[in-house]
């Protein structure tokens, strides 16, 4: 791994804010439900099982953070993910969690090959 350049205090705050936006399970669920397609608020309410006010609030947070685009068509508002790299980041985190869980299971089971 190559050495990383130290980040400025301003950049660290920007990164921390982006992670704070992603720290809510409903927001992650919304992003997952959107995937690579556009969906209306109503579709996301049904898909997540959350109420419309709650879904709308979290969509607004994701939109202001730059994770989503929105388009209005009559009375409906449609949202779409703007940067698919968010899913790559989620895959990295999921892989790390899976590795940690497997290591814990190996220890509990007494696996001699566990690290």
Protein backbone atom coordinates (compact mmCIF):
# COMPACT_ATOMS: atom_id res chain seq x y z
CA UNK A 1 0.00 0.00 0.00
CA UNK A 2 1.40 3.41 -0.92
CA UNK A 3 1.67 6.13 1.74
CA UNK A 4 -1.30 8.45 1.98
CA UNK A 5 -0.98 12.20 1.87
CA UNK A 6 -2.14 13.81 5.13
CA UNK A 7 -5.52 15.53 4.82
CA UNK A 8 -6.23 19.08 5.91
CA UNK A 9 -8.61 19.78 8.79
CA UNK A 10 -11.16 21.14 6.29
CA UNK A 11 -10.98 18.01 4.18
CA UNK A 12 -11.31 15.78 7.26
CA UNK A 13 -14.48 17.67 8.24
CA UNK A 14 -15.92 17.28 4.73
CA UNK A 15 -15.23 13.54 4.78
CA UNK A 16 -16.69 13.19 8.28
CA UNK A 17 -19.85 14.99 7.16
CA UNK A 18 -20.27 12.61 4.22
CA UNK A 19 -19.95 9.63 6.58
CA UNK A 20 -22.47 11.20 8.98
CA UNK A 21 -24.97 11.40 6.13
CA UNK A 22 -24.45 7.69 5.48
CA UNK A 23 -24.69 6.71 9.15
CA UNK A 24 -28.48 6.26 9.16
CA UNK A 25 -29.90 2.82 8.28
CA UNK A 26 -32.95 4.27 6.50
CA UNK A 27 -30.75 6.43 4.27
CA UNK A 28 -28.67 3.37 3.37
CA UNK A 29 -31.88 1.47 2.69
CA UNK A 30 -33.10 4.27 0.42
CA UNK A 31 -29.81 4.26 -1.50
CA UNK A 32 -29.99 0.48 -1.83
CA UNK A 33 -33.58 0.65 -3.09
CA UNK A 34 -32.65 3.31 -5.63
CA UNK A 35 -29.69 1.33 -6.96
CA UNK A 36 -29.15 2.39 -10.56
CA UNK A 37 -32.75 3.38 -11.24
CA UNK A 38 -34.94 6.38 -10.68
CA UNK A 39 -37.81 5.99 -8.20
CA UNK A 40 -40.60 8.18 -6.91
CA UNK A 41 -41.03 9.07 -3.26
CA UNK A 42 -44.13 6.86 -3.18
CA UNK A 43 -42.20 3.88 -4.54
CA UNK A 44 -39.52 4.39 -1.89
CA UNK A 45 -42.15 4.59 0.85
CA UNK A 46 -43.54 1.22 -0.23
CA UNK A 47 -40.08 -0.33 -0.71
CA UNK A 48 -38.73 0.79 2.68
CA UNK A 49 -41.91 0.47 4.73
CA UNK A 50 -41.24 3.86 6.31
CA UNK A 51 -43.79 6.66 6.35
CA UNK A 52 -43.73 9.34 3.67
CA UNK A 53 -42.63 12.17 5.97
CA UNK A 54 -39.64 10.15 7.18
CA UNK A 55 -38.63 9.04 3.67
CA UNK A 56 -38.96 12.61 2.37
CA UNK A 57 -36.81 13.95 5.21
CA UNK A 58 -34.04 11.45 4.49
CA UNK A 59 -34.26 12.01 0.73
CA UNK A 60 -33.75 15.72 1.37
CA UNK A 61 -30.66 15.02 3.48
CA UNK A 62 -29.21 12.75 0.77
CA UNK A 63 -30.04 15.31 -1.91
CA UNK A 64 -28.41 18.21 -0.03
CA UNK A 65 -25.31 16.08 0.53
CA UNK A 66 -25.03 15.56 -3.22
CA UNK A 67 -25.79 11.84 -3.25
CA UNK A 68 -29.04 12.20 -5.20
CA UNK A 69 -30.55 14.08 -8.12
CA UNK A 70 -34.25 14.79 -8.21
CA UNK A 71 -36.75 15.45 -10.94
CA UNK A 72 -40.30 16.67 -10.60
CA UNK A 73 -43.02 15.36 -12.89
CA UNK A 74 -46.38 16.86 -12.05
CA UNK A 75 -47.03 16.12 -8.38
CA UNK A 76 -44.45 13.35 -8.17
CA UNK A 77 -40.78 13.74 -7.34
CA UNK A 78 -38.30 11.17 -8.61
CA UNK A 79 -34.84 10.55 -7.16
CA UNK A 80 -31.75 8.93 -8.61
CA UNK A 81 -28.27 8.25 -7.21
CA UNK A 82 -25.73 10.69 -8.68
CA UNK A 83 -22.53 8.78 -7.94
CA UNK A 84 -22.51 4.99 -8.12
CA UNK A 85 -19.17 4.86 -6.27
CA UNK A 86 -21.27 4.97 -3.11
CA UNK A 87 -22.15 1.33 -3.79
CA UNK A 88 -18.48 0.43 -4.16
CA UNK A 89 -17.83 1.96 -0.75
CA UNK A 90 -20.72 -0.02 0.73
CA UNK A 91 -19.32 -3.24 -0.79
CA UNK A 92 -15.94 -2.53 0.82
CA UNK A 93 -17.58 -2.02 4.21
CA UNK A 94 -19.75 -5.14 3.79
CA UNK A 95 -16.68 -7.18 2.90
CA UNK A 96 -14.85 -5.92 5.95
CA UNK A 97 -17.80 -6.73 8.21
CA UNK A 98 -18.07 -10.22 6.71
CA UNK A 99 -14.34 -10.83 7.27
CA UNK A 100 -14.56 -9.70 10.89
CA UNK A 101 -17.59 -11.89 11.53
CA UNK A 102 -15.87 -14.89 9.94
CA UNK A 103 -12.77 -14.33 12.05
CA UNK A 104 -14.92 -14.20 15.18
CA UNK A 105 -16.73 -17.40 14.17
CA UNK A 106 -13.40 -19.11 13.53
CA UNK A 107 -12.21 -18.18 17.02
CA UNK A 108 -15.46 -19.34 18.64
CA UNK A 109 -15.28 -22.65 16.76
CA UNK A 110 -11.63 -23.08 17.66
CA UNK A 111 -10.41 -23.09 14.06
CA UNK A 112 -6.65 -23.50 14.17
CA UNK A 113 -6.24 -21.62 10.89
CA UNK A 114 -7.95 -18.47 12.18
CA UNK A 115 -5.77 -15.40 12.21
